[in-house]
Amino acid sequence: MTTNKLPPRLDVIIATKRYALKERRKKTPLEAVRALASMQNRPSPILSTVPDPNEPVVIIGQIKHTLSQQGQIVYDPVGTALRYAHRGVDSISLFTDEIIYENGLDDLVLVSNAVHMPVICQDYILDEYEVIEARAAGASALVLSAAVLDRPTLRALISDTQRNRMTAIVQVHNREQLDYALSLSPHVIGLSSDDPFTPEPELDLEATRRLRDLIPSHIRVMVMEKLHSLDQVDVVASVGVDAMLVDEQLLEIVQHANALRARFSAADHSRR
């Protein structure tokens, strides 16, 4: 189940997703999806090991819908994934839920087949069925929202994700969500803005730092706000995290992800 405090826009999205999920279940039983998932190669590891202070930051290229100046949707998931791979990112994150988009799973399959790196399903996962679907589509990790899911469901979905050998990234927005998430020992905590329902949240350094200081060293930390400037990279490095989301605009500035890793490492060492 989801929480009862969703804003109207998100409530509609979740209700629509639940209806679509119900229809998919009618067409394809859970056991059939499990069979498809079992035919996939083992998920590529992503943020699933104990943090190493000398390990470079994990750079994740995010794919999501954008609007052109003419108001048209710009969305080429495979082309974007290949450009990210060419620029040396470590992983791809596929985001399809800013608007209702029914081809998300098909795109996940296409992206997973197009690049030889872990692919993160950044979606509103509500049910075990969707966990298995994501594995069958080639995902190596899932984002689970502590703001959307109630506690029993979040606990169950972390277990489902890990049982399917994928990395569970629990996205939190405040101290209460973080405290409960930590009790479940996920692979990764994803830190996000105080308002979980802002379409394009901005990085809140102080809020991020406060939550970061509460996370034990054996759990990986990821910043969920997409970074699009070098100043933001410096800010995130000053907090000390293991992974960050970037967009194509930022990689066009530096040309290659190695330049971002070097900049992040220099800022991180100066912090220490």
C-alpha atoms as a PDB file:
ATOM      1  CA  MET A   1       0.000   0.000   0.000  1.00  0.00           C
ATOM      2  CA  THR A   2       0.975   3.658  -0.286  1.00  0.00           C
ATOM      3  CA  THR A   3       0.764   6.363   2.311  1.00  0.00           C
ATOM      4  CA  ASN A   4      -2.434   8.406   2.653  1.00  0.00           C
ATOM      5  CA  LYS A   5      -0.803  11.821   2.261  1.00  0.00           C
ATOM      6  CA  LEU A   6      -0.156  12.026  -1.445  1.00  0.00           C
ATOM      7  CA  PRO A   7      -0.901  15.272  -3.306  1.00  0.00           C
ATOM      8  CA  PRO A   8      -3.664  15.079  -5.938  1.00  0.00           C
ATOM      9  CA  ARG A   9      -1.324  14.919  -8.944  1.00  0.00           C
ATOM     10  CA  LEU A  10       0.730  12.055  -7.535  1.00  0.00           C
ATOM     11  CA  ASP A  11      -2.379  10.332  -6.215  1.00  0.00           C
ATOM     12  CA  VAL A  12      -3.690  10.183  -9.787  1.00  0.00           C
ATOM     13  CA  ILE A  13      -0.374   8.791 -11.039  1.00  0.00           C
ATOM     14  CA  ILE A  14      -0.302   6.094  -8.367  1.00  0.00           C
ATOM     15  CA  ALA A  15      -3.944   5.153  -8.995  1.00  0.00           C
ATOM     16  CA  THR A  16      -3.239   4.917 -12.732  1.00  0.00           C
ATOM     17  CA  LYS A  17      -0.188   2.751 -12.117  1.00  0.00           C
ATOM     18  CA  ARG A  18      -2.198   0.441  -9.863  1.00  0.00           C
ATOM     19  CA  TYR A  19      -4.841   0.023 -12.552  1.00  0.00           C
ATOM     20  CA  ALA A  20      -2.189  -0.701 -15.192  1.00  0.00           C
ATOM     21  CA  LEU A  21      -0.524  -3.183 -12.831  1.00  0.00           C
ATOM     22  CA  LYS A  22      -3.846  -4.974 -12.316  1.00  0.00           C
ATOM     23  CA  GLU A  23      -4.298  -5.275 -16.080  1.00  0.00           C
ATOM     24  CA  ARG A  24      -0.769  -6.638 -16.572  1.00  0.00           C
ATOM     25  CA  ARG A  25      -1.384  -9.251 -13.888  1.00  0.00           C
ATOM     26  CA  LYS A  26      -4.436 -10.437 -15.800  1.00  0.00           C
ATOM     27  CA  LYS A  27      -2.390 -10.874 -18.979  1.00  0.00           C
ATOM     28  CA  THR A  28       0.785 -12.296 -17.423  1.00  0.00           C
ATOM     29  CA  PRO A  29       0.710 -14.169 -14.087  1.00  0.00           C
ATOM     30  CA  LEU A  30       3.467 -13.542 -11.566  1.00  0.00           C
ATOM     31  CA  GLU A  31       5.006 -16.980 -12.104  1.00  0.00           C
ATOM     32  CA  ALA A  32       5.368 -16.297 -15.821  1.00  0.00           C
ATOM     33  CA  VAL A  33       7.188 -13.041 -15.044  1.00  0.00           C
ATOM     34  CA  ARG A  34       9.420 -14.942 -12.596  1.00  0.00           C
ATOM     35  CA  ALA A  35      10.303 -17.354 -15.383  1.00  0.00           C
ATOM     36  CA  LEU A  36      11.294 -14.458 -17.626  1.00  0.00           C
ATOM     37  CA  ALA A  37      13.383 -12.948 -14.843  1.00  0.00           C
ATOM     38  CA  SER A  38      15.179 -16.256 -14.265  1.00  0.00           C
ATOM     39  CA  MET A  39      16.390 -16.174 -17.877  1.00  0.00           C
ATOM     40  CA  GLN A  40      18.210 -12.875 -17.336  1.00  0.00           C
ATOM     41  CA  ASN A  41      21.917 -12.739 -16.620  1.00  0.00           C
ATOM     42  CA  ARG A  42      22.841 -12.039 -13.020  1.00  0.00           C
ATOM     43  CA  PRO A  43      22.346  -8.320 -12.258  1.00  0.00           C
ATOM     44  CA  SER A  44      25.466  -6.199 -12.605  1.00  0.00           C
ATOM     45  CA  PRO A  45      26.659  -5.024  -9.176  1.00  0.00           C
ATOM     46  CA  ILE A  46      25.972  -1.387  -8.386  1.00  0.00           C
ATOM     47  CA  LEU A  47      26.586   0.169  -4.956  1.00  0.00           C
ATOM     48  CA  SER A  48      26.131  -3.226  -3.307  1.00  0.00           C
ATOM     49  CA  THR A  49      29.510  -3.580  -1.584  1.00  0.00           C
ATOM     50  CA  VAL A  50      30.940  -2.045   1.589  1.00  0.00           C
ATOM     51  CA  PRO A  51      32.115   1.528   0.876  1.00  0.00           C
ATOM     52  CA  ASP A  52      35.821   2.018   0.240  1.00  0.00           C
ATOM     53  CA  PRO A  53      37.172   5.557   0.968  1.00  0.00           C
ATOM     54  CA  ASN A  54      39.525   5.245  -2.011  1.00  0.00           C
ATOM     55  CA  GLU A  55      36.860   4.134  -4.473  1.00  0.00           C
ATOM     56  CA  PRO A  56      35.848   6.809  -6.998  1.00  0.00           C
ATOM     57  CA  VAL A  57      32.356   8.247  -6.882  1.00  0.00           C
ATOM     58  CA  VAL A  58      29.785   6.339  -8.944  1.00  0.00           C
ATOM     59  CA  ILE A  59      28.427   8.526 -11.737  1.00  0.00           C
ATOM     60  CA  ILE A  60      24.918   7.710 -12.920  1.00  0.00           C
ATOM     61  CA  GLY A  61      23.452   9.196 -16.069  1.00  0.00           C
ATOM     62  CA  GLN A  62      19.737   9.887 -15.699  1.00  0.00           C
ATOM     63  CA  ILE A  63      17.298   9.428 -18.564  1.00  0.00           C
ATOM     64  CA  LYS A  64      13.920  11.126 -18.253  1.00  0.00           C
ATOM     65  CA  HIS A  65      11.363  13.038 -20.275  1.00  0.00           C
ATOM     66  CA  THR A  66      12.187  16.661 -21.039  1.00  0.00           C
ATOM     67  CA  LEU A  67      10.267  19.365 -22.858  1.00  0.00           C
ATOM     68  CA  SER A  68      11.629  21.278 -25.821  1.00  0.00           C
ATOM     69  CA  GLN A  69      11.169  25.038 -26.135  1.00  0.00           C
ATOM     70  CA  GLN A  70       8.202  24.245 -28.361  1.00  0.00           C
ATOM     71  CA  GLY A  71       6.608  22.222 -25.559  1.00  0.00           C
ATOM     72  CA  GLN A  72       7.215  18.855 -27.217  1.00  0.00           C
ATOM     73  CA  ILE A  73       8.402  15.810 -25.280  1.00  0.00           C
ATOM     74  CA  VAL A  74      12.048  14.979 -25.972  1.00  0.00           C
ATOM     75  CA  TYR A  75      12.735  11.357 -25.144  1.00  0.00           C
ATOM     76  CA  ASP A  76      15.242   9.028 -26.790  1.00  0.00           C
ATOM     77  CA  PRO A  77      16.218   6.530 -24.070  1.00  0.00           C
ATOM     78  CA  VAL A  78      18.509   4.299 -26.132  1.00  0.00           C
ATOM     79  CA  GLY A  79      20.295   7.177 -27.840  1.00  0.00           C
ATOM     80  CA  THR A  80      20.766   8.949 -24.509  1.00  0.00           C
ATOM     81  CA  ALA A  81      22.052   5.749 -22.866  1.00  0.00           C
ATOM     82  CA  LEU A  82      24.610   5.237 -25.624  1.00  0.00           C
ATOM     83  CA  ARG A  83      25.816   8.832 -25.333  1.00  0.00           C
ATOM     84  CA  TYR A  84      26.176   8.398 -21.570  1.00  0.00           C
ATOM     85  CA  ALA A  85      28.145   5.194 -22.093  1.00  0.00           C
ATOM     86  CA  HIS A  86      30.435   6.967 -24.561  1.00  0.00           C
ATOM     87  CA  ARG A  87      31.161   9.609 -21.914  1.00  0.00           C
ATOM     88  CA  GLY A  88      32.144   6.988 -19.343  1.00  0.00           C
ATOM     89  CA  VAL A  89      29.355   6.873 -16.767  1.00  0.00           C
ATOM     90  CA  ASP A  90      29.151   3.890 -14.414  1.00  0.00           C
ATOM     91  CA  SER A  91      25.408   3.310 -14.621  1.00  0.00           C
ATOM     92  CA  ILE A  92      22.178   4.447 -16.259  1.00  0.00           C
ATOM     93  CA  SER A  93      19.037   5.442 -14.368  1.00  0.00           C
ATOM     94  CA  LEU A  94      15.803   5.264 -16.354  1.00  0.00           C
ATOM     95  CA  PHE A  95      13.061   7.566 -15.065  1.00  0.00           C
ATOM     96  CA  THR A  96       9.649   7.419 -16.715  1.00  0.00           C
ATOM     97  CA  ASP A  97       7.146   8.600 -14.125  1.00  0.00           C
ATOM     98  CA  GLU A  98       7.194  12.384 -14.341  1.00  0.00           C
ATOM     99  CA  ILE A  99       4.237  11.852 -16.625  1.00  0.00           C
ATOM    100  CA  ILE A 100       2.231   8.702 -17.247  1.00  0.00           C
ATOM    101  CA  TYR A 101       4.196   6.716 -19.816  1.00  0.00           C
ATOM    102  CA  GLU A 102       3.122   3.172 -20.579  1.00  0.00           C
ATOM    103  CA  ASN A 103       6.261   2.074 -22.442  1.00  0.00           C
ATOM    104  CA  GLY A 104       8.592   2.270 -19.452  1.00  0.00           C
ATOM    105  CA  LEU A 105       9.238  -1.477 -19.214  1.00  0.00           C
ATOM    106  CA  ASP A 106       9.871  -1.774 -22.959  1.00  0.00           C
ATOM    107  CA  ASP A 107      12.372   1.079 -22.732  1.00  0.00           C
ATOM    108  CA  LEU A 108      14.031  -0.593 -19.747  1.00  0.00           C
ATOM    109  CA  VAL A 109      14.568  -3.703 -21.883  1.00  0.00           C
ATOM    110  CA  LEU A 110      15.966  -1.642 -24.762  1.00  0.00           C
ATOM    111  CA  VAL A 111      18.347   0.344 -22.560  1.00  0.00           C
ATOM    112  CA  SER A 112      19.515  -2.755 -20.663  1.00  0.00           C
ATOM    113  CA  ASN A 113      20.321  -4.464 -23.959  1.00  0.00           C
ATOM    114  CA  ALA A 114      22.006  -1.393 -25.437  1.00  0.00           C
ATOM    115  CA  VAL A 115      24.619  -0.743 -22.729  1.00  0.00           C
ATOM    116  CA  HIS A 116      26.950  -3.045 -20.826  1.00  0.00           C
ATOM    117  CA  MET A 117      26.524  -1.455 -17.409  1.00  0.00           C
ATOM    118  CA  PRO A 118      24.030  -1.562 -14.529  1.00  0.00           C
ATOM    119  CA  VAL A 119      20.649   0.012 -15.224  1.00  0.00           C
ATOM    120  CA  ILE A 120      18.618   1.476 -12.350  1.00  0.00           C
ATOM    121  CA  CYS A 121      14.828   1.458 -12.550  1.00  0.00           C
ATOM    122  CA  GLN A 122      13.833   4.837 -11.106  1.00  0.00           C
ATOM    123  CA  ASP A 123      10.103   4.446 -10.816  1.00  0.00           C
ATOM    124  CA  TYR A 124       7.250   4.288  -8.310  1.00  0.00           C
ATOM    125  CA  ILE A 125       7.530   0.608  -7.417  1.00  0.00           C
ATOM    126  CA  LEU A 126       4.410  -0.440  -5.513  1.00  0.00           C
ATOM    127  CA  ASP A 127       4.285  -4.222  -5.588  1.00  0.00           C
ATOM    128  CA  GLU A 128       6.426  -7.374  -5.771  1.00  0.00           C
ATOM    129  CA  TYR A 129       5.120  -7.929  -9.293  1.00  0.00           C
ATOM    130  CA  GLU A 130       6.861  -4.745 -10.430  1.00  0.00           C
ATOM    131  CA  VAL A 131      10.110  -5.820  -8.763  1.00  0.00           C
ATOM    132  CA  ILE A 132      10.066  -9.053 -10.775  1.00  0.00           C
ATOM    133  CA  GLU A 133       9.089  -7.169 -13.937  1.00  0.00           C
ATOM    134  CA  ALA A 134      12.080  -4.859 -13.525  1.00  0.00           C
ATOM    135  CA  ARG A 135      14.421  -7.843 -13.084  1.00  0.00           C
ATOM    136  CA  ALA A 136      12.912  -9.507 -16.159  1.00  0.00           C
ATOM    137  CA  ALA A 137      13.517  -6.270 -18.091  1.00  0.00           C
ATOM    138  CA  GLY A 138      17.192  -6.234 -17.097  1.00  0.00           C
ATOM    139  CA  ALA A 139      17.334  -3.837 -14.141  1.00  0.00           C
ATOM    140  CA  SER A 140      20.205  -4.189 -11.680  1.00  0.00           C
ATOM    141  CA  ALA A 141      18.781  -1.811  -9.059  1.00  0.00           C
ATOM    142  CA  LEU A 142      15.492  -0.252  -7.987  1.00  0.00           C
ATOM    143  CA  VAL A 143      14.592   3.031  -6.330  1.00  0.00           C
ATOM    144  CA  LEU A 144      11.997   2.556  -3.560  1.00  0.00           C
ATOM    145  CA  SER A 145      10.277   5.700  -2.265  1.00  0.00           C
ATOM    146  CA  ALA A 146       9.873   5.993   1.507  1.00  0.00           C
ATOM    147  CA  ALA A 147       7.520   8.929   0.884  1.00  0.00           C
ATOM    148  CA  VAL A 148       5.103   6.892  -1.232  1.00  0.00           C
ATOM    149  CA  LEU A 149       5.210   3.440   0.397  1.00  0.00           C
ATOM    150  CA  ASP A 150       3.912   2.578   3.833  1.00  0.00           C
ATOM    151  CA  ARG A 151       6.367   0.903   6.191  1.00  0.00           C
ATOM    152  CA  PRO A 152       5.303  -2.745   5.792  1.00  0.00           C
ATOM    153  CA  THR A 153       5.334  -2.415   1.996  1.00  0.00           C
ATOM    154  CA  LEU A 154       8.739  -0.728   1.987  1.00  0.00           C
ATOM    155  CA  ARG A 155      10.157  -3.503   4.153  1.00  0.00           C
ATOM    156  CA  ALA A 156       8.683  -6.183   1.894  1.00  0.00           C
ATOM    157  CA  LEU A 157       9.910  -4.545  -1.319  1.00  0.00           C
ATOM    158  CA  ILE A 158      13.461  -4.156  -0.023  1.00  0.00           C
ATOM    159  CA  SER A 159      13.422  -7.865   0.749  1.00  0.00           C
ATOM    160  CA  ASP A 160      11.966  -8.682  -2.681  1.00  0.00           C
ATOM    161  CA  THR A 161      14.596  -6.556  -4.406  1.00  0.00           C
ATOM    162  CA  GLN A 162      17.503  -8.110  -2.547  1.00  0.00           C
ATOM    163  CA  ARG A 163      16.113 -11.623  -3.001  1.00  0.00           C
ATOM    164  CA  ASN A 164      16.226 -10.973  -6.746  1.00  0.00           C
ATOM    165  CA  ARG A 165      19.900  -9.962  -6.400  1.00  0.00           C
ATOM    166  CA  MET A 166      19.232  -6.338  -7.248  1.00  0.00           C
ATOM    167  CA  THR A 167      20.391  -3.286  -5.315  1.00  0.00           C
ATOM    168  CA  ALA A 168      17.715  -1.582  -3.211  1.00  0.00           C
ATOM    169  CA  ILE A 169      18.022   2.224  -3.194  1.00  0.00           C
ATOM    170  CA  VAL A 170      15.655   3.684  -0.598  1.00  0.00           C
ATOM    171  CA  GLN A 171      14.863   7.328  -1.314  1.00  0.00           C
ATOM    172  CA  VAL A 172      14.243   9.395   1.834  1.00  0.00           C
ATOM    173  CA  HIS A 173      13.349  13.047   2.412  1.00  0.00           C
ATOM    174  CA  ASN A 174      13.467  13.564   6.172  1.00  0.00           C
ATOM    175  CA  ARG A 175      14.760  12.213   9.483  1.00  0.00           C
ATOM    176  CA  GLU A 176      11.706  10.048  10.178  1.00  0.00           C
ATOM    177  CA  GLN A 177      11.940   8.265   6.837  1.00  0.00           C
ATOM    178  CA  LEU A 178      15.686   7.852   7.214  1.00  0.00           C
ATOM    179  CA  ASP A 179      15.461   6.328  10.692  1.00  0.00           C
ATOM    180  CA  TYR A 180      13.033   3.677   9.501  1.00  0.00           C
ATOM    181  CA  ALA A 181      14.961   3.003   6.291  1.00  0.00           C
ATOM    182  CA  LEU A 182      18.165   2.435   8.262  1.00  0.00           C
ATOM    183  CA  SER A 183      16.416  -0.179  10.386  1.00  0.00           C
ATOM    184  CA  LEU A 184      15.837  -2.201   7.203  1.00  0.00           C
ATOM    185  CA  SER A 185      19.522  -2.276   6.137  1.00  0.00           C
ATOM    186  CA  PRO A 186      19.119  -1.419   2.439  1.00  0.00           C
ATOM    187  CA  HIS A 187      22.140  -1.364   0.167  1.00  0.00           C
ATOM    188  CA  VAL A 188      21.812   2.362  -0.512  1.00  0.00           C
ATOM    189  CA  ILE A 189      20.116   5.404   0.984  1.00  0.00           C
ATOM    190  CA  GLY A 190      19.129   8.011  -1.594  1.00  0.00           C
ATOM    191  CA  LEU A 191      18.955  11.529  -0.125  1.00  0.00           C
ATOM    192  CA  SER A 192      16.443  13.907  -1.637  1.00  0.00           C
ATOM    193  CA  SER A 193      14.768  17.252  -1.056  1.00  0.00           C
ATOM    194  CA  ASP A 194      12.453  17.952   1.900  1.00  0.00           C
ATOM    195  CA  ASP A 195       9.472  18.088  -0.472  1.00  0.00           C
ATOM    196  CA  PRO A 196       9.139  14.627  -2.026  1.00  0.00           C
ATOM    197  CA  PHE A 197       6.659  15.775  -4.650  1.00  0.00           C
ATOM    198  CA  THR A 198       8.505  18.655  -6.320  1.00  0.00           C
ATOM    199  CA  PRO A 199       8.818  17.861 -10.072  1.00  0.00           C
ATOM    200  CA  GLU A 200      12.346  19.319 -10.309  1.00  0.00           C
ATOM    201  CA  PRO A 201      13.728  19.492  -6.737  1.00  0.00           C
ATOM    202  CA  GLU A 202      16.801  21.588  -6.048  1.00  0.00           C
ATOM    203  CA  LEU A 203      19.691  20.341  -3.958  1.00  0.00           C
ATOM    204  CA  ASP A 204      19.346  21.451  -0.319  1.00  0.00           C
ATOM    205  CA  LEU A 205      22.891  21.288   1.017  1.00  0.00           C
ATOM    206  CA  GLU A 206      22.139  21.704   4.706  1.00  0.00           C
ATOM    207  CA  ALA A 207      19.281  19.188   4.710  1.00  0.00           C
ATOM    208  CA  THR A 208      21.437  16.727   2.778  1.00  0.00           C
ATOM    209  CA  ARG A 209      24.345  17.210   5.165  1.00  0.00           C
ATOM    210  CA  ARG A 210      22.139  16.702   8.245  1.00  0.00           C
ATOM    211  CA  LEU A 211      20.804  13.415   6.932  1.00  0.00           C
ATOM    212  CA  ARG A 212      24.197  12.299   5.612  1.00  0.00           C
ATOM    213  CA  ASP A 213      25.742  12.611   9.059  1.00  0.00           C
ATOM    214  CA  LEU A 214      23.215  10.102  10.434  1.00  0.00           C
ATOM    215  CA  ILE A 215      24.025   7.308   7.972  1.00  0.00           C
ATOM    216  CA  PRO A 216      26.518   4.660   9.160  1.00  0.00           C
ATOM    217  CA  SER A 217      29.629   4.005   7.132  1.00  0.00           C
ATOM    218  CA  HIS A 218      28.582   0.543   5.909  1.00  0.00           C
ATOM    219  CA  ILE A 219      25.606   1.905   3.937  1.00  0.00           C
ATOM    220  CA  ARG A 220      26.142   3.601   0.598  1.00  0.00           C
ATOM    221  CA  VAL A 221      24.807   7.135   0.084  1.00  0.00           C
ATOM    222  CA  MET A 222      23.464   8.581  -3.145  1.00  0.00           C
ATOM    223  CA  VAL A 223      22.173  12.078  -3.891  1.00  0.00           C
ATOM    224  CA  MET A 224      18.889  11.830  -5.784  1.00  0.00           C
ATOM    225  CA  GLU A 225      18.785  15.397  -7.124  1.00  0.00           C
ATOM    226  CA  LYS A 226      20.113  15.434 -10.674  1.00  0.00           C
ATOM    227  CA  LEU A 227      23.289  17.532 -10.928  1.00  0.00           C
ATOM    228  CA  HIS A 228      23.714  19.816 -13.930  1.00  0.00           C
ATOM    229  CA  SER A 229      26.576  22.130 -12.949  1.00  0.00           C
ATOM    230  CA  LEU A 230      30.139  21.845 -11.633  1.00  0.00           C
ATOM    231  CA  ASP A 231      29.205  23.988  -8.633  1.00  0.00           C
ATOM    232  CA  GLN A 232      26.672  21.348  -7.644  1.00  0.00           C
ATOM    233  CA  VAL A 233      29.316  18.633  -7.963  1.00  0.00           C
ATOM    234  CA  ASP A 234      31.540  20.586  -5.563  1.00  0.00           C
ATOM    235  CA  VAL A 235      28.646  20.951  -3.127  1.00  0.00           C
ATOM    236  CA  VAL A 236      27.885  17.224  -3.170  1.00  0.00           C
ATOM    237  CA  ALA A 237      31.558  16.376  -2.736  1.00  0.00           C
ATOM    238  CA  SER A 238      31.639  18.575   0.364  1.00  0.00           C
ATOM    239  CA  VAL A 239      28.977  16.343   1.923  1.00  0.00           C
ATOM    240  CA  GLY A 240      30.664  13.054   1.086  1.00  0.00           C
ATOM    241  CA  VAL A 241      28.576  10.574  -0.916  1.00  0.00           C
ATOM    242  CA  ASP A 242      29.148   7.418  -2.938  1.00  0.00           C
ATOM    243  CA  ALA A 243      27.044   8.162  -6.017  1.00  0.00           C
ATOM    244  CA  MET A 244      25.460  11.046  -7.883  1.00  0.00           C
ATOM    245  CA  LEU A 245      22.959  11.496 -10.703  1.00  0.00           C
ATOM    246  CA  VAL A 246      24.016  13.710 -13.616  1.00  0.00           C
ATOM    247  CA  ASP A 247      22.445  14.911 -16.837  1.00  0.00           C
ATOM    248  CA  GLU A 248      23.840  15.216 -20.346  1.00  0.00           C
ATOM    249  CA  GLN A 249      24.312  18.954 -19.952  1.00  0.00           C
ATOM    250  CA  LEU A 250      26.919  18.422 -17.243  1.00  0.00           C
ATOM    251  CA  LEU A 251      28.789  15.766 -19.214  1.00  0.00           C
ATOM    252  CA  GLU A 252      28.865  18.011 -22.245  1.00  0.00           C
ATOM    253  CA  ILE A 253      30.678  20.594 -20.112  1.00  0.00           C
ATOM    254  CA  VAL A 254      33.402  18.214 -18.904  1.00  0.00           C
ATOM    255  CA  GLN A 255      33.396  15.919 -21.971  1.00  0.00           C
ATOM    256  CA  HIS A 256      33.986  12.709 -19.956  1.00  0.00           C
ATOM    257  CA  ALA A 257      32.952  11.276 -16.605  1.00  0.00           C
ATOM    258  CA  ASN A 258      36.612  10.897 -15.594  1.00  0.00           C
ATOM    259  CA  ALA A 259      36.855  14.678 -15.323  1.00  0.00           C
ATOM    260  CA  LEU A 260      33.922  14.655 -12.900  1.00  0.00           C
ATOM    261  CA  ARG A 261      35.505  11.876 -10.845  1.00  0.00           C
ATOM    262  CA  ALA A 262      38.765  13.809 -10.593  1.00  0.00           C
ATOM    263  CA  ARG A 263      36.984  17.015  -9.569  1.00  0.00           C
ATOM    264  CA  PHE A 264      34.841  15.175  -7.037  1.00  0.00           C
ATOM    265  CA  SER A 265      37.863  13.375  -5.590  1.00  0.00           C
ATOM    266  CA  ALA A 266      39.822  16.617  -5.183  1.00  0.00           C
ATOM    267  CA  ALA A 267      36.916  18.321  -3.404  1.00  0.00           C
ATOM    268  CA  ASP A 268      36.251  15.245  -1.276  1.00  0.00           C
ATOM    269  CA  HIS A 269      39.869  15.044  -0.101  1.00  0.00           C
ATOM    270  CA  SER A 270      39.931  18.745   0.753  1.00  0.00           C
ATOM    271  CA  ARG A 271      36.789  18.159   2.863  1.00  0.00           C
ATOM    272  CA  ARG A 272      38.638  15.548   4.900  1.00  0.00           C
END
